[in-house]
């Protein structure tokens, strides 16, 4: 079930990164904040059942979102002539 969350995250990440308000750095912060928040919710509130499964689903979505955004962000740290070779 958690792998179903990775497919829409790619498209959501493309849309959010291209919004001028968010950009790459703010969307990376948003994704890390989401991972931390959902992780805390799992540790404090969720004890099992459907709520626990849905929180794991959202945690996997935020982790995939942060990986997608960081992959785009890190690829542009180097100059173009270094990336092309």
Protein backbone atom coordinates (compact mmCIF):
# COMPACT_ATOMS: atom_id res chain seq x y z
CA UNK A 1 0.00 0.00 0.00
CA UNK A 2 2.81 2.43 0.78
CA UNK A 3 4.29 2.14 -2.70
CA UNK A 4 1.06 3.57 -4.16
CA UNK A 5 1.94 6.90 -2.60
CA UNK A 6 5.16 7.24 -4.57
CA UNK A 7 3.52 7.64 -7.98
CA UNK A 8 1.47 10.78 -7.30
CA UNK A 9 4.30 12.29 -5.24
CA UNK A 10 6.46 12.65 -8.33
CA UNK A 11 3.82 14.77 -10.03
CA UNK A 12 3.05 16.72 -6.85
CA UNK A 13 6.76 17.45 -6.39
CA UNK A 14 7.05 18.71 -9.97
CA UNK A 15 4.12 21.07 -9.45
CA UNK A 16 5.18 22.37 -6.02
CA UNK A 17 8.82 22.95 -7.02
CA UNK A 18 7.74 25.02 -10.02
CA UNK A 19 5.46 27.27 -7.96
CA UNK A 20 7.35 30.52 -7.45
CA UNK A 21 6.36 30.84 -3.77
CA UNK A 22 7.84 27.48 -2.78
CA UNK A 23 10.84 26.87 -5.01
CA UNK A 24 13.34 24.16 -4.26
CA UNK A 25 14.57 25.19 -0.82
CA UNK A 26 11.14 25.85 0.68
CA UNK A 27 9.67 22.67 -0.75
CA UNK A 28 12.62 20.74 0.67
CA UNK A 29 11.90 22.33 4.06
CA UNK A 30 8.20 21.46 3.66
CA UNK A 31 9.02 17.83 2.93
CA UNK A 32 11.41 17.48 5.88
CA UNK A 33 8.89 19.18 8.15
CA UNK A 34 6.20 16.77 6.96
CA UNK A 35 8.43 13.77 7.67
CA UNK A 36 9.14 15.05 11.17
CA UNK A 37 5.51 15.89 11.92
CA UNK A 38 4.10 12.59 10.73
CA UNK A 39 6.90 10.72 12.49
CA UNK A 40 6.01 12.44 15.75
CA UNK A 41 2.33 11.67 15.23
CA UNK A 42 3.17 8.02 14.73
CA UNK A 43 5.33 7.93 17.85
CA UNK A 44 2.86 9.77 20.09
CA UNK A 45 -0.65 8.94 18.88
CA UNK A 46 -0.76 5.90 16.61
CA UNK A 47 -0.88 2.56 18.38
CA UNK A 48 -2.11 0.39 15.54
CA UNK A 49 -5.03 -0.07 13.23
CA UNK A 50 -6.14 2.02 10.28
CA UNK A 51 -4.80 5.30 11.65
CA UNK A 52 -1.34 3.78 12.00
CA UNK A 53 -1.47 2.42 8.45
CA UNK A 54 -2.57 5.76 7.03
CA UNK A 55 0.19 7.59 8.93
CA UNK A 56 2.76 5.16 7.53
CA UNK A 57 1.33 5.89 4.07
CA UNK A 58 1.74 9.65 4.57
CA UNK A 59 5.20 9.17 6.03
CA UNK A 60 6.26 7.25 2.94
CA UNK A 61 4.77 9.97 0.74
CA UNK A 62 6.74 12.71 2.52
CA UNK A 63 9.95 10.67 2.37
CA UNK A 64 9.50 10.14 -1.36
CA UNK A 65 8.69 13.82 -1.78
CA UNK A 66 11.87 14.85 0.05
CA UNK A 67 13.98 12.45 -2.01
CA UNK A 68 12.50 13.75 -5.27
CA UNK A 69 13.04 17.39 -4.36
CA UNK A 70 16.54 16.82 -3.00
CA UNK A 71 17.49 14.94 -6.16
CA UNK A 72 16.43 17.97 -8.23
CA UNK A 73 18.12 20.41 -5.85
CA UNK A 74 21.48 18.62 -5.65
CA UNK A 75 21.72 18.16 -9.40
CA UNK A 76 21.93 21.94 -9.84
CA UNK A 77 24.62 22.61 -7.23
CA UNK A 78 27.39 22.04 -9.75
CA UNK A 79 27.96 24.29 -12.80
CA UNK A 80 26.58 23.20 -16.14
CA UNK A 81 29.92 22.21 -17.63
CA UNK A 82 30.52 19.80 -14.74
CA UNK A 83 27.03 18.29 -14.96
CA UNK A 84 27.32 17.63 -18.69
CA UNK A 85 30.44 15.51 -18.44
